Amino acid sequence: MNMWLFVAAVLAFLLGATHSLLGKRFILRPLFGIELPKLLGSPRFMRRTVWFGWHLTTVLMWGMAALLLNMRLGISSFVTHSAMVSWVFVVCAVLSLVATRGKHFSWVIFGIIAVLTFISKQ
């Protein structure tokens, strides 16, 4: 079994966690303390969009960490990997839908990607 994939998986997970925690503290909080431009008529919507976009990056990093760990463990079937990718995009779709209350169109695209990836394993 490849130890390098395990190290890569751990680093991808830690990078996602660090990105989320430090980004929230040192970037998002200060950014949300200033007046942001209006997006769809609302600075609140702009904050929500920036927030979900920031944390979406973390979700994607964790998804890649899971794939790398799966590869490391030798679970390398297409079905397993496509299911994992599907679930990552489901989480992205839900995060986008909830955070922006459906106003940001990305949730639809994430959802379509999740469905297409899921049915591809058939």
PDB file of N, CA and C in Angstrom:
ATOM      1  N   MET A   1       0.846  -1.187   0.000  1.00  0.00           N
ATOM      2  CA  MET A   1       0.000   0.000   0.000  1.00  0.00           C
ATOM      3  C   MET A   1       0.889   1.246   0.000  1.00  0.00           C
ATOM      4  N   ASN A   2       0.430   2.235  -0.664  1.00  0.00           N
ATOM      5  CA  ASN A   2       1.234   3.431  -0.889  1.00  0.00           C
ATOM      6  C   ASN A   2       1.096   4.423   0.274  1.00  0.00           C
ATOM      7  N   MET A   3       2.184   4.596   1.027  1.00  0.00           N
ATOM      8  CA  MET A   3       2.183   5.518   2.163  1.00  0.00           C
ATOM      9  C   MET A   3       2.046   6.968   1.697  1.00  0.00           C
ATOM     10  N   TRP A   4       2.548   7.250   0.485  1.00  0.00           N
ATOM     11  CA  TRP A   4       2.485   8.630  -0.029  1.00  0.00           C
ATOM     12  C   TRP A   4       1.038   9.091  -0.202  1.00  0.00           C
ATOM     13  N   LEU A   5       0.151   8.188  -0.613  1.00  0.00           N
ATOM     14  CA  LEU A   5      -1.264   8.546  -0.749  1.00  0.00           C
ATOM     15  C   LEU A   5      -1.881   8.845   0.616  1.00  0.00           C
ATOM     16  N   PHE A   6      -1.467   8.091   1.624  1.00  0.00           N
ATOM     17  CA  PHE A   6      -1.971   8.348   2.978  1.00  0.00           C
ATOM     18  C   PHE A   6      -1.526   9.727   3.457  1.00  0.00           C
ATOM     19  N   VAL A   7      -0.256  10.040   3.261  1.00  0.00           N
ATOM     20  CA  VAL A   7       0.270  11.360   3.657  1.00  0.00           C
ATOM     21  C   VAL A   7      -0.456  12.459   2.888  1.00  0.00           C
ATOM     22  N   ALA A   8      -0.667  12.250   1.584  1.00  0.00           N
ATOM     23  CA  ALA A   8      -1.386  13.234   0.776  1.00  0.00           C
ATOM     24  C   ALA A   8      -2.821  13.420   1.285  1.00  0.00           C
ATOM     25  N   ALA A   9      -3.473  12.327   1.662  1.00  0.00           N
ATOM     26  CA  ALA A   9      -4.844  12.404   2.182  1.00  0.00           C
ATOM     27  C   ALA A   9      -4.894  13.193   3.486  1.00  0.00           C
ATOM     28  N   VAL A  10      -3.970  12.901   4.380  1.00  0.00           N
ATOM     29  CA  VAL A  10      -3.915  13.622   5.666  1.00  0.00           C
ATOM     30  C   VAL A  10      -3.655  15.106   5.425  1.00  0.00           C
ATOM     31  N   LEU A  11      -2.712  15.412   4.540  1.00  0.00           N
ATOM     32  CA  LEU A  11      -2.416  16.823   4.239  1.00  0.00           C
ATOM     33  C   LEU A  11      -3.611  17.531   3.616  1.00  0.00           C
ATOM     34  N   ALA A  12      -4.330  16.859   2.713  1.00  0.00           N
ATOM     35  CA  ALA A  12      -5.517  17.464   2.092  1.00  0.00           C
ATOM     36  C   ALA A  12      -6.587  17.742   3.144  1.00  0.00           C
ATOM     37  N   PHE A  13      -6.776  16.798   4.077  1.00  0.00           N
ATOM     38  CA  PHE A  13      -7.752  17.008   5.143  1.00  0.00           C
ATOM     39  C   PHE A  13      -7.340  18.176   6.038  1.00  0.00           C
ATOM     40  N   LEU A  14      -6.081  18.183   6.452  1.00  0.00           N
ATOM     41  CA  LEU A  14      -5.591  19.262   7.322  1.00  0.00           C
ATOM     42  C   LEU A  14      -5.634  20.614   6.615  1.00  0.00           C
ATOM     43  N   LEU A  15      -5.331  20.620   5.331  1.00  0.00           N
ATOM     44  CA  LEU A  15      -5.415  21.862   4.563  1.00  0.00           C
ATOM     45  C   LEU A  15      -6.846  22.386   4.552  1.00  0.00           C
ATOM     46  N   GLY A  16      -7.811  21.497   4.358  1.00  0.00           N
ATOM     47  CA  GLY A  16      -9.218  21.910   4.385  1.00  0.00           C
ATOM     48  C   GLY A  16      -9.613  22.471   5.740  1.00  0.00           C
ATOM     49  N   ALA A  17      -9.218  21.795   6.809  1.00  0.00           N
ATOM     50  CA  ALA A  17      -9.558  22.266   8.155  1.00  0.00           C
ATOM     51  C   ALA A  17      -8.893  23.605   8.450  1.00  0.00           C
ATOM     52  N   THR A  18      -7.631  23.723   8.090  1.00  0.00           N
ATOM     53  CA  THR A  18      -6.901  24.978   8.321  1.00  0.00           C
ATOM     54  C   THR A  18      -7.500  26.105   7.500  1.00  0.00           C
ATOM     55  N   HIS A  19      -7.822  25.809   6.257  1.00  0.00           N
ATOM     56  CA  HIS A  19      -8.443  26.804   5.375  1.00  0.00           C
ATOM     57  C   HIS A  19      -9.728  27.333   5.991  1.00  0.00           C
ATOM     58  N   SER A  20     -10.542  26.430   6.504  1.00  0.00           N
ATOM     59  CA  SER A  20     -11.820  26.819   7.077  1.00  0.00           C
ATOM     60  C   SER A  20     -11.650  27.612   8.374  1.00  0.00           C
ATOM     61  N   LEU A  21     -10.859  27.073   9.298  1.00  0.00           N
ATOM     62  CA  LEU A  21     -10.720  27.707  10.615  1.00  0.00           C
ATOM     63  C   LEU A  21      -9.956  29.036  10.560  1.00  0.00           C
ATOM     64  N   LEU A  22      -8.790  29.023   9.936  1.00  0.00           N
ATOM     65  CA  LEU A  22      -7.998  30.257   9.876  1.00  0.00           C
ATOM     66  C   LEU A  22      -8.620  31.278   8.945  1.00  0.00           C
ATOM     67  N   GLY A  23      -9.202  30.798   7.858  1.00  0.00           N
ATOM     68  CA  GLY A  23      -9.871  31.716   6.939  1.00  0.00           C
ATOM     69  C   GLY A  23     -11.036  32.431   7.599  1.00  0.00           C
ATOM     70  N   LYS A  24     -11.799  31.692   8.391  1.00  0.00           N
ATOM     71  CA  LYS A  24     -12.926  32.301   9.100  1.00  0.00           C
ATOM     72  C   LYS A  24     -12.425  33.371  10.059  1.00  0.00           C
ATOM     73  N   ARG A  25     -11.354  33.054  10.765  1.00  0.00           N
ATOM     74  CA  ARG A  25     -10.850  33.983  11.782  1.00  0.00           C
ATOM     75  C   ARG A  25     -10.151  35.207  11.187  1.00  0.00           C
ATOM     76  N   PHE A  26      -9.279  34.977  10.204  1.00  0.00           N
ATOM     77  CA  PHE A  26      -8.421  36.055   9.724  1.00  0.00           C
ATOM     78  C   PHE A  26      -8.886  36.719   8.429  1.00  0.00           C
ATOM     79  N   ILE A  27      -9.811  36.082   7.734  1.00  0.00           N
ATOM     80  CA  ILE A  27     -10.268  36.679   6.469  1.00  0.00           C
ATOM     81  C   ILE A  27     -11.757  37.012   6.515  1.00  0.00           C
ATOM     82  N   LEU A  28     -12.588  36.025   6.809  1.00  0.00           N
ATOM     83  CA  LEU A  28     -14.028  36.266   6.748  1.00  0.00           C
ATOM     84  C   LEU A  28     -14.518  37.232   7.816  1.00  0.00           C
ATOM     85  N   ARG A  29     -14.109  37.034   9.065  1.00  0.00           N
ATOM     86  CA  ARG A  29     -14.554  37.960  10.121  1.00  0.00           C
ATOM     87  C   ARG A  29     -14.197  39.407   9.819  1.00  0.00           C
ATOM     88  N   PRO A  30     -12.930  39.712   9.505  1.00  0.00           N
ATOM     89  CA  PRO A  30     -12.596  41.101   9.173  1.00  0.00           C
ATOM     90  C   PRO A  30     -13.348  41.597   7.930  1.00  0.00           C
ATOM     91  N   LEU A  31     -13.500  40.716   6.955  1.00  0.00           N
ATOM     92  CA  LEU A  31     -14.202  41.104   5.729  1.00  0.00           C
ATOM     93  C   LEU A  31     -15.662  41.423   6.016  1.00  0.00           C
ATOM     94  N   PHE A  32     -16.280  40.648   6.892  1.00  0.00           N
ATOM     95  CA  PHE A  32     -17.684  40.879   7.212  1.00  0.00           C
ATOM     96  C   PHE A  32     -17.887  42.090   8.122  1.00  0.00           C
ATOM     97  N   GLY A  33     -16.783  42.620   8.664  1.00  0.00           N
ATOM     98  CA  GLY A  33     -16.863  43.823   9.493  1.00  0.00           C
ATOM     99  C   GLY A  33     -16.921  45.106   8.686  1.00  0.00           C
ATOM    100  N   ILE A  34     -16.664  45.008   7.392  1.00  0.00           N
ATOM    101  CA  ILE A  34     -16.732  46.194   6.536  1.00  0.00           C
ATOM    102  C   ILE A  34     -17.976  46.121   5.671  1.00  0.00           C
ATOM    103  N   GLU A  35     -18.324  47.228   5.087  1.00  0.00           N
ATOM    104  CA  GLU A  35     -19.506  47.251   4.223  1.00  0.00           C
ATOM    105  C   GLU A  35     -19.152  46.615   2.882  1.00  0.00           C
ATOM    106  N   LEU A  36     -19.853  45.545   2.577  1.00  0.00           N
ATOM    107  CA  LEU A  36     -19.622  44.838   1.317  1.00  0.00           C
ATOM    108  C   LEU A  36     -20.594  45.346   0.258  1.00  0.00           C
ATOM    109  N   PRO A  37     -20.230  45.201  -0.998  1.00  0.00           N
ATOM    110  CA  PRO A  37     -21.162  45.587  -2.053  1.00  0.00           C
ATOM    111  C   PRO A  37     -22.422  44.727  -1.998  1.00  0.00           C
ATOM    112  N   LYS A  38     -23.482  45.229  -2.561  1.00  0.00           N
ATOM    113  CA  LYS A  38     -24.734  44.475  -2.601  1.00  0.00           C
ATOM    114  C   LYS A  38     -24.678  43.470  -3.740  1.00  0.00           C
ATOM    115  N   LEU A  39     -25.149  42.277  -3.450  1.00  0.00           N
ATOM    116  CA  LEU A  39     -25.294  41.241  -4.462  1.00  0.00           C
ATOM    117  C   LEU A  39     -26.755  40.848  -4.461  1.00  0.00           C
ATOM    118  N   LEU A  40     -27.391  40.943  -5.595  1.00  0.00           N
ATOM    119  CA  LEU A  40     -28.845  40.754  -5.705  1.00  0.00           C
ATOM    120  C   LEU A  40     -29.581  41.658  -4.720  1.00  0.00           C
ATOM    121  N   GLY A  41     -29.060  42.877  -4.580  1.00  0.00           N
ATOM    122  CA  GLY A  41     -29.715  43.896  -3.768  1.00  0.00           C
ATOM    123  C   GLY A  41     -29.464  43.822  -2.278  1.00  0.00           C
ATOM    124  N   SER A  42     -28.537  42.975  -1.844  1.00  0.00           N
ATOM    125  CA  SER A  42     -28.371  42.793  -0.408  1.00  0.00           C
ATOM    126  C   SER A  42     -26.916  42.529  -0.028  1.00  0.00           C
ATOM    127  N   PRO A  43     -26.372  43.309   0.936  1.00  0.00           N
ATOM    128  CA  PRO A  43     -25.045  42.979   1.449  1.00  0.00           C
ATOM    129  C   PRO A  43     -25.066  41.655   2.232  1.00  0.00           C
ATOM    130  N   ARG A  44     -26.200  41.328   2.816  1.00  0.00           N
ATOM    131  CA  ARG A  44     -26.327  40.060   3.544  1.00  0.00           C
ATOM    132  C   ARG A  44     -26.159  38.873   2.589  1.00  0.00           C
ATOM    133  N   PHE A  45     -26.752  38.989   1.409  1.00  0.00           N
ATOM    134  CA  PHE A  45     -26.600  37.920   0.419  1.00  0.00           C
ATOM    135  C   PHE A  45     -25.145  37.815  -0.025  1.00  0.00           C
ATOM    136  N   MET A  46     -24.470  38.942  -0.127  1.00  0.00           N
ATOM    137  CA  MET A  46     -23.049  38.925  -0.481  1.00  0.00           C
ATOM    138  C   MET A  46     -22.252  38.190   0.590  1.00  0.00           C
ATOM    139  N   ARG A  47     -22.535  38.465   1.867  1.00  0.00           N
ATOM    140  CA  ARG A  47     -21.836  37.771   2.957  1.00  0.00           C
ATOM    141  C   ARG A  47     -22.085  36.269   2.909  1.00  0.00           C
ATOM    142  N   ARG A  48     -23.338  35.884   2.701  1.00  0.00           N
ATOM    143  CA  ARG A  48     -23.676  34.455   2.630  1.00  0.00           C
ATOM    144  C   ARG A  48     -22.965  33.782   1.458  1.00  0.00           C
ATOM    145  N   THR A  49     -22.902  34.465   0.337  1.00  0.00           N
ATOM    146  CA  THR A  49     -22.252  33.902  -0.848  1.00  0.00           C
ATOM    147  C   THR A  49     -20.759  33.723  -0.612  1.00  0.00           C
ATOM    148  N   VAL A  50     -20.129  34.720  -0.021  1.00  0.00           N
ATOM    149  CA  VAL A  50     -18.702  34.616   0.288  1.00  0.00           C
ATOM    150  C   VAL A  50     -18.471  33.501   1.310  1.00  0.00           C
ATOM    151  N   TRP A  51     -19.336  33.416   2.319  1.00  0.00           N
ATOM    152  CA  TRP A  51     -19.202  32.384   3.346  1.00  0.00           C
ATOM    153  C   TRP A  51     -19.307  30.993   2.739  1.00  0.00           C
ATOM    154  N   PHE A  52     -20.357  30.755   1.939  1.00  0.00           N
ATOM    155  CA  PHE A  52     -20.518  29.401   1.403  1.00  0.00           C
ATOM    156  C   PHE A  52     -19.430  29.083   0.393  1.00  0.00           C
ATOM    157  N   GLY A  53     -19.002  30.059  -0.377  1.00  0.00           N
ATOM    158  CA  GLY A  53     -17.917  29.828  -1.319  1.00  0.00           C
ATOM    159  C   GLY A  53     -16.624  29.459  -0.614  1.00  0.00           C
ATOM    160  N   TRP A  54     -16.374  30.106   0.503  1.00  0.00           N
ATOM    161  CA  TRP A  54     -15.163  29.819   1.276  1.00  0.00           C
ATOM    162  C   TRP A  54     -15.198  28.395   1.810  1.00  0.00           C
ATOM    163  N   HIS A  55     -16.307  28.030   2.415  1.00  0.00           N
ATOM    164  CA  HIS A  55     -16.407  26.712   3.029  1.00  0.00           C
ATOM    165  C   HIS A  55     -16.597  25.598   2.002  1.00  0.00           C
ATOM    166  N   LEU A  56     -17.082  25.949   0.829  1.00  0.00           N
ATOM    167  CA  LEU A  56     -17.185  24.977  -0.252  1.00  0.00           C
ATOM    168  C   LEU A  56     -15.806  24.444  -0.626  1.00  0.00           C
ATOM    169  N   THR A  57     -14.824  25.323  -0.587  1.00  0.00           N
ATOM    170  CA  THR A  57     -13.450  24.908  -0.866  1.00  0.00           C
ATOM    171  C   THR A  57     -13.014  23.835   0.126  1.00  0.00           C
ATOM    172  N   THR A  58     -13.380  24.002   1.381  1.00  0.00           N
ATOM    173  CA  THR A  58     -13.045  23.006   2.407  1.00  0.00           C
ATOM    174  C   THR A  58     -13.722  21.679   2.105  1.00  0.00           C
ATOM    175  N   VAL A  59     -14.993  21.710   1.747  1.00  0.00           N
ATOM    176  CA  VAL A  59     -15.722  20.478   1.414  1.00  0.00           C
ATOM    177  C   VAL A  59     -15.026  19.751   0.260  1.00  0.00           C
ATOM    178  N   LEU A  60     -14.622  20.495  -0.752  1.00  0.00           N
ATOM    179  CA  LEU A  60     -13.950  19.880  -1.895  1.00  0.00           C
ATOM    180  C   LEU A  60     -12.593  19.292  -1.497  1.00  0.00           C
ATOM    181  N   MET A  61     -11.856  19.991  -0.629  1.00  0.00           N
ATOM    182  CA  MET A  61     -10.575  19.449  -0.157  1.00  0.00           C
ATOM    183  C   MET A  61     -10.794  18.163   0.622  1.00  0.00           C
ATOM    184  N   TRP A  62     -11.802  18.131   1.472  1.00  0.00           N
ATOM    185  CA  TRP A  62     -12.085  16.922   2.240  1.00  0.00           C
ATOM    186  C   TRP A  62     -12.535  15.785   1.329  1.00  0.00           C
ATOM    187  N   GLY A  63     -13.264  16.105   0.276  1.00  0.00           N
ATOM    188  CA  GLY A  63     -13.650  15.082  -0.692  1.00  0.00           C
ATOM    189  C   GLY A  63     -12.434  14.475  -1.367  1.00  0.00           C
ATOM    190  N   MET A  64     -11.485  15.326  -1.731  1.00  0.00           N
ATOM    191  CA  MET A  64     -10.248  14.826  -2.337  1.00  0.00           C
ATOM    192  C   MET A  64      -9.447  13.995  -1.333  1.00  0.00           C
ATOM    193  N   ALA A  65      -9.449  14.413  -0.071  1.00  0.00           N
ATOM    194  CA  ALA A  65      -8.759  13.633   0.971  1.00  0.00           C
ATOM    195  C   ALA A  65      -9.380  12.245   1.076  1.00  0.00           C
ATOM    196  N   ALA A  66     -10.698  12.173   1.027  1.00  0.00           N
ATOM    197  CA  ALA A  66     -11.388  10.880   1.100  1.00  0.00           C
ATOM    198  C   ALA A  66     -11.030  10.002  -0.095  1.00  0.00           C
ATOM    199  N   LEU A  67     -10.981  10.596  -1.279  1.00  0.00           N
ATOM    200  CA  LEU A  67     -10.599   9.825  -2.463  1.00  0.00           C
ATOM    201  C   LEU A  67      -9.168   9.298  -2.349  1.00  0.00           C
ATOM    202  N   LEU A  68      -8.266  10.149  -1.900  1.00  0.00           N
ATOM    203  CA  LEU A  68      -6.876   9.725  -1.735  1.00  0.00           C
ATOM    204  C   LEU A  68      -6.762   8.596  -0.716  1.00  0.00           C
ATOM    205  N   LEU A  69      -7.488   8.719   0.387  1.00  0.00           N
ATOM    206  CA  LEU A  69      -7.463   7.666   1.403  1.00  0.00           C
ATOM    207  C   LEU A  69      -8.042   6.372   0.835  1.00  0.00           C
ATOM    208  N   ASN A  70      -9.099   6.487   0.073  1.00  0.00           N
ATOM    209  CA  ASN A  70      -9.702   5.319  -0.575  1.00  0.00           C
ATOM    210  C   ASN A  70      -8.700   4.630  -1.496  1.00  0.00           C
ATOM    211  N   MET A  71      -7.971   5.434  -2.269  1.00  0.00           N
ATOM    212  CA  MET A  71      -6.957   4.883  -3.157  1.00  0.00           C
ATOM    213  C   MET A  71      -5.853   4.202  -2.342  1.00  0.00           C
ATOM    214  N   ARG A  72      -5.474   4.815  -1.250  1.00  0.00           N
ATOM    215  CA  ARG A  72      -4.422   4.276  -0.370  1.00  0.00           C
ATOM    216  C   ARG A  72      -4.827   2.921   0.191  1.00  0.00           C
ATOM    217  N   LEU A  73      -6.112   2.789   0.521  1.00  0.00           N
ATOM    218  CA  LEU A  73      -6.608   1.545   1.098  1.00  0.00           C
ATOM    219  C   LEU A  73      -6.857   0.474   0.040  1.00  0.00           C
ATOM    220  N   GLY A  74      -6.675   0.848  -1.218  1.00  0.00           N
ATOM    221  CA  GLY A  74      -6.870  -0.119  -2.289  1.00  0.00           C
ATOM    222  C   GLY A  74      -8.308  -0.284  -2.721  1.00  0.00           C
ATOM    223  N   ILE A  75      -9.169   0.600  -2.259  1.00  0.00           N
ATOM    224  CA  ILE A  75     -10.573   0.572  -2.676  1.00  0.00           C
ATOM    225  C   ILE A  75     -10.664   1.455  -3.913  1.00  0.00           C
ATOM    226  N   SER A  76     -10.328   0.882  -5.040  1.00  0.00           N
ATOM    227  CA  SER A  76     -10.155   1.731  -6.214  1.00  0.00           C
ATOM    228  C   SER A  76     -11.138   1.413  -7.330  1.00  0.00           C
ATOM    229  N   SER A  77     -12.302   0.925  -6.988  1.00  0.00           N
ATOM    230  CA  SER A  77     -13.275   0.663  -8.044  1.00  0.00           C
ATOM    231  C   SER A  77     -13.897   1.972  -8.508  1.00  0.00           C
ATOM    232  N   PHE A  78     -14.268   2.007  -9.759  1.00  0.00           N
ATOM    233  CA  PHE A  78     -14.909   3.197 -10.324  1.00  0.00           C
ATOM    234  C   PHE A  78     -16.202   3.518  -9.588  1.00  0.00           C
ATOM    235  N   VAL A  79     -16.954   2.472  -9.237  1.00  0.00           N
ATOM    236  CA  VAL A  79     -18.230   2.671  -8.539  1.00  0.00           C
ATOM    237  C   VAL A  79     -18.010   3.400  -7.222  1.00  0.00           C
ATOM    238  N   THR A  80     -17.034   2.971  -6.461  1.00  0.00           N
ATOM    239  CA  THR A  80     -16.760   3.595  -5.164  1.00  0.00           C
ATOM    240  C   THR A  80     -16.322   5.043  -5.335  1.00  0.00           C
ATOM    241  N   HIS A  81     -15.426   5.289  -6.268  1.00  0.00           N
ATOM    242  CA  HIS A  81     -14.946   6.656  -6.468  1.00  0.00           C
ATOM    243  C   HIS A  81     -16.037   7.571  -7.000  1.00  0.00           C
ATOM    244  N   SER A  82     -16.836   7.099  -7.930  1.00  0.00           N
ATOM    245  CA  SER A  82     -17.897   7.953  -8.456  1.00  0.00           C
ATOM    246  C   SER A  82     -18.953   8.239  -7.386  1.00  0.00           C
ATOM    247  N   ALA A  83     -19.214   7.273  -6.514  1.00  0.00           N
ATOM    248  CA  ALA A  83     -20.161   7.510  -5.417  1.00  0.00           C
ATOM    249  C   ALA A  83     -19.619   8.564  -4.462  1.00  0.00           C
ATOM    250  N   MET A  84     -18.324   8.505  -4.176  1.00  0.00           N
ATOM    251  CA  MET A  84     -17.719   9.503  -3.287  1.00  0.00           C
ATOM    252  C   MET A  84     -17.802  10.896  -3.898  1.00  0.00           C
ATOM    253  N   VAL A  85     -17.508  10.991  -5.194  1.00  0.00           N
ATOM    254  CA  VAL A  85     -17.593  12.285  -5.882  1.00  0.00           C
ATOM    255  C   VAL A  85     -19.038  12.783  -5.862  1.00  0.00           C
ATOM    256  N   SER A  86     -19.982  11.877  -6.086  1.00  0.00           N
ATOM    257  CA  SER A  86     -21.402  12.254  -6.032  1.00  0.00           C
ATOM    258  C   SER A  86     -21.760  12.876  -4.690  1.00  0.00           C
ATOM    259  N   TRP A  87     -21.342  12.223  -3.612  1.00  0.00           N
ATOM    260  CA  TRP A  87     -21.670  12.724  -2.276  1.00  0.00           C
ATOM    261  C   TRP A  87     -21.016  14.072  -1.988  1.00  0.00           C
ATOM    262  N   VAL A  88     -19.800  14.265  -2.470  1.00  0.00           N
ATOM    263  CA  VAL A  88     -19.141  15.567  -2.286  1.00  0.00           C
ATOM    264  C   VAL A  88     -19.972  16.654  -2.965  1.00  0.00           C
ATOM    265  N   PHE A  89     -20.461  16.380  -4.166  1.00  0.00           N
ATOM    266  CA  PHE A  89     -21.252  17.388  -4.869  1.00  0.00           C
ATOM    267  C   PHE A  89     -22.658  17.546  -4.270  1.00  0.00           C
ATOM    268  N   VAL A  90     -23.183  16.502  -3.666  1.00  0.00           N
ATOM    269  CA  VAL A  90     -24.450  16.648  -2.929  1.00  0.00           C
ATOM    270  C   VAL A  90     -24.255  17.631  -1.772  1.00  0.00           C
ATOM    271  N   VAL A  91     -23.174  17.450  -1.017  1.00  0.00           N
ATOM    272  CA  VAL A  91     -22.886  18.359   0.101  1.00  0.00           C
ATOM    273  C   VAL A  91     -22.709  19.795  -0.410  1.00  0.00           C
ATOM    274  N   CYS A  92     -22.000  19.951  -1.527  1.00  0.00           N
ATOM    275  CA  CYS A  92     -21.816  21.285  -2.108  1.00  0.00           C
ATOM    276  C   CYS A  92     -23.154  21.894  -2.509  1.00  0.00           C
ATOM    277  N   ALA A  93     -24.028  21.086  -3.100  1.00  0.00           N
ATOM    278  CA  ALA A  93     -25.346  21.577  -3.511  1.00  0.00           C
ATOM    279  C   ALA A  93     -26.171  22.014  -2.309  1.00  0.00           C
ATOM    280  N   VAL A  94     -26.189  21.196  -1.274  1.00  0.00           N
ATOM    281  CA  VAL A  94     -26.964  21.517  -0.076  1.00  0.00           C
ATOM    282  C   VAL A  94     -26.399  22.760   0.606  1.00  0.00           C
ATOM    283  N   LEU A  95     -25.085  22.845   0.718  1.00  0.00           N
ATOM    284  CA  LEU A  95     -24.461  24.017   1.329  1.00  0.00           C
ATOM    285  C   LEU A  95     -24.830  25.283   0.567  1.00  0.00           C
ATOM    286  N   SER A  96     -24.756  25.231  -0.747  1.00  0.00           N
ATOM    287  CA  SER A  96     -25.110  26.380  -1.581  1.00  0.00           C
ATOM    288  C   SER A  96     -26.592  26.726  -1.444  1.00  0.00           C
ATOM    289  N   LEU A  97     -27.447  25.719  -1.487  1.00  0.00           N
ATOM    290  CA  LEU A  97     -28.890  25.930  -1.393  1.00  0.00           C
ATOM    291  C   LEU A  97     -29.277  26.570  -0.062  1.00  0.00           C
ATOM    292  N   VAL A  98     -28.753  26.024   1.019  1.00  0.00           N
ATOM    293  CA  VAL A  98     -29.108  26.515   2.355  1.00  0.00           C
ATOM    294  C   VAL A  98     -28.503  27.900   2.614  1.00  0.00           C
ATOM    295  N   ALA A  99     -27.221  28.054   2.311  1.00  0.00           N
ATOM    296  CA  ALA A  99     -26.532  29.312   2.629  1.00  0.00           C
ATOM    297  C   ALA A  99     -27.103  30.496   1.866  1.00  0.00           C
ATOM    298  N   THR A 100     -27.532  30.251   0.631  1.00  0.00           N
ATOM    299  CA  THR A 100     -28.033  31.377  -0.181  1.00  0.00           C
ATOM    300  C   THR A 100     -29.549  31.337  -0.362  1.00  0.00           C
ATOM    301  N   ARG A 101     -30.173  30.395   0.336  1.00  0.00           N
ATOM    302  CA  ARG A 101     -31.624  30.211   0.233  1.00  0.00           C
ATOM    303  C   ARG A 101     -32.073  30.047  -1.213  1.00  0.00           C
ATOM    304  N   GLY A 102     -31.224  29.359  -1.980  1.00  0.00           N
ATOM    305  CA  GLY A 102     -31.560  29.030  -3.356  1.00  0.00           C
ATOM    306  C   GLY A 102     -31.342  30.131  -4.369  1.00  0.00           C
ATOM    307  N   LYS A 103     -30.881  31.292  -3.912  1.00  0.00           N
ATOM    308  CA  LYS A 103     -30.710  32.420  -4.830  1.00  0.00           C
ATOM    309  C   LYS A 103     -29.465  32.299  -5.706  1.00  0.00           C
ATOM    310  N   HIS A 104     -28.459  31.588  -5.214  1.00  0.00           N
ATOM    311  CA  HIS A 104     -27.246  31.385  -6.002  1.00  0.00           C
ATOM    312  C   HIS A 104     -27.435  30.099  -6.797  1.00  0.00           C
ATOM    313  N   PHE A 105     -27.324  30.202  -8.102  1.00  0.00           N
ATOM    314  CA  PHE A 105     -27.660  29.119  -9.023  1.00  0.00           C
ATOM    315  C   PHE A 105     -26.730  27.907  -8.914  1.00  0.00           C
ATOM    316  N   SER A 106     -25.617  28.022  -8.232  1.00  0.00           N
ATOM    317  CA  SER A 106     -24.637  26.933  -8.194  1.00  0.00           C
ATOM    318  C   SER A 106     -25.211  25.637  -7.631  1.00  0.00           C
ATOM    319  N   TRP A 107     -26.201  25.726  -6.743  1.00  0.00           N
ATOM    320  CA  TRP A 107     -26.757  24.513  -6.152  1.00  0.00           C
ATOM    321  C   TRP A 107     -27.356  23.604  -7.224  1.00  0.00           C
ATOM    322  N   VAL A 108     -27.925  24.210  -8.263  1.00  0.00           N
ATOM    323  CA  VAL A 108     -28.514  23.414  -9.349  1.00  0.00           C
ATOM    324  C   VAL A 108     -27.413  22.663 -10.096  1.00  0.00           C
ATOM    325  N   ILE A 109     -26.338  23.367 -10.426  1.00  0.00           N
ATOM    326  CA  ILE A 109     -25.236  22.750 -11.160  1.00  0.00           C
ATOM    327  C   ILE A 109     -24.570  21.662 -10.314  1.00  0.00           C
ATOM    328  N   PHE A 110     -24.324  21.965  -9.031  1.00  0.00           N
ATOM    329  CA  PHE A 110     -23.755  20.943  -8.142  1.00  0.00           C
ATOM    330  C   PHE A 110     -24.661  19.716  -8.085  1.00  0.00           C
ATOM    331  N   GLY A 111     -25.961  19.947  -8.010  1.00  0.00           N
ATOM    332  CA  GLY A 111     -26.915  18.840  -7.972  1.00  0.00           C
ATOM    333  C   GLY A 111     -26.892  18.015  -9.244  1.00  0.00           C
ATOM    334  N   ILE A 112     -26.823  18.677 -10.388  1.00  0.00           N
ATOM    335  CA  ILE A 112     -26.754  17.960 -11.666  1.00  0.00           C
ATOM    336  C   ILE A 112     -25.473  17.135 -11.742  1.00  0.00           C
ATOM    337  N   ILE A 113     -24.352  17.726 -11.317  1.00  0.00           N
ATOM    338  CA  ILE A 113     -23.087  16.986 -11.317  1.00  0.00           C
ATOM    339  C   ILE A 113     -23.200  15.759 -10.416  1.00  0.00           C
ATOM    340  N   ALA A 114     -23.828  15.914  -9.246  1.00  0.00           N
ATOM    341  CA  ALA A 114     -23.985  14.786  -8.322  1.00  0.00           C
ATOM    342  C   ALA A 114     -24.811  13.676  -8.971  1.00  0.00           C
ATOM    343  N   VAL A 115     -25.920  14.042  -9.595  1.00  0.00           N
ATOM    344  CA  VAL A 115     -26.771  13.040 -10.230  1.00  0.00           C
ATOM    345  C   VAL A 115     -26.052  12.360 -11.389  1.00  0.00           C
ATOM    346  N   LEU A 116     -25.407  13.148 -12.253  1.00  0.00           N
ATOM    347  CA  LEU A 116     -24.706  12.566 -13.393  1.00  0.00           C
ATOM    348  C   LEU A 116     -23.591  11.634 -12.945  1.00  0.00           C
ATOM    349  N   THR A 117     -22.873  12.032 -11.899  1.00  0.00           N
ATOM    350  CA  THR A 117     -21.792  11.182 -11.392  1.00  0.00           C
ATOM    351  C   THR A 117     -22.373   9.904 -10.788  1.00  0.00           C
ATOM    352  N   PHE A 118     -23.487  10.040 -10.083  1.00  0.00           N
ATOM    353  CA  PHE A 118     -24.113   8.869  -9.480  1.00  0.00           C
ATOM    354  C   PHE A 118     -24.583   7.888 -10.543  1.00  0.00           C
ATOM    355  N   ILE A 119     -25.277   8.377 -11.574  1.00  0.00           N
ATOM    356  CA  ILE A 119     -25.813   7.450 -12.577  1.00  0.00           C
ATOM    357  C   ILE A 119     -24.727   6.909 -13.496  1.00  0.00           C
ATOM    358  N   SER A 120     -23.558   7.545 -13.508  1.00  0.00           N
ATOM    359  CA  SER A 120     -22.467   7.056 -14.364  1.00  0.00           C
ATOM    360  C   SER A 120     -21.952   5.698 -13.921  1.00  0.00           C
ATOM    361  N   LYS A 121     -22.208   5.340 -12.680  1.00  0.00           N
ATOM    362  CA  LYS A 121     -21.693   4.062 -12.170  1.00  0.00           C
ATOM    363  C   LYS A 121     -22.579   2.887 -12.580  1.00  0.00           C
ATOM    364  N   GLN A 122     -23.663   3.161 -13.236  1.00  0.00           N
ATOM    365  CA  GLN A 122     -24.580   2.101 -13.661  1.00  0.00           C
ATOM    366  C   GLN A 122     -23.985   1.281 -14.780  1.00  0.00           C
TER     367      GLN A 122
END
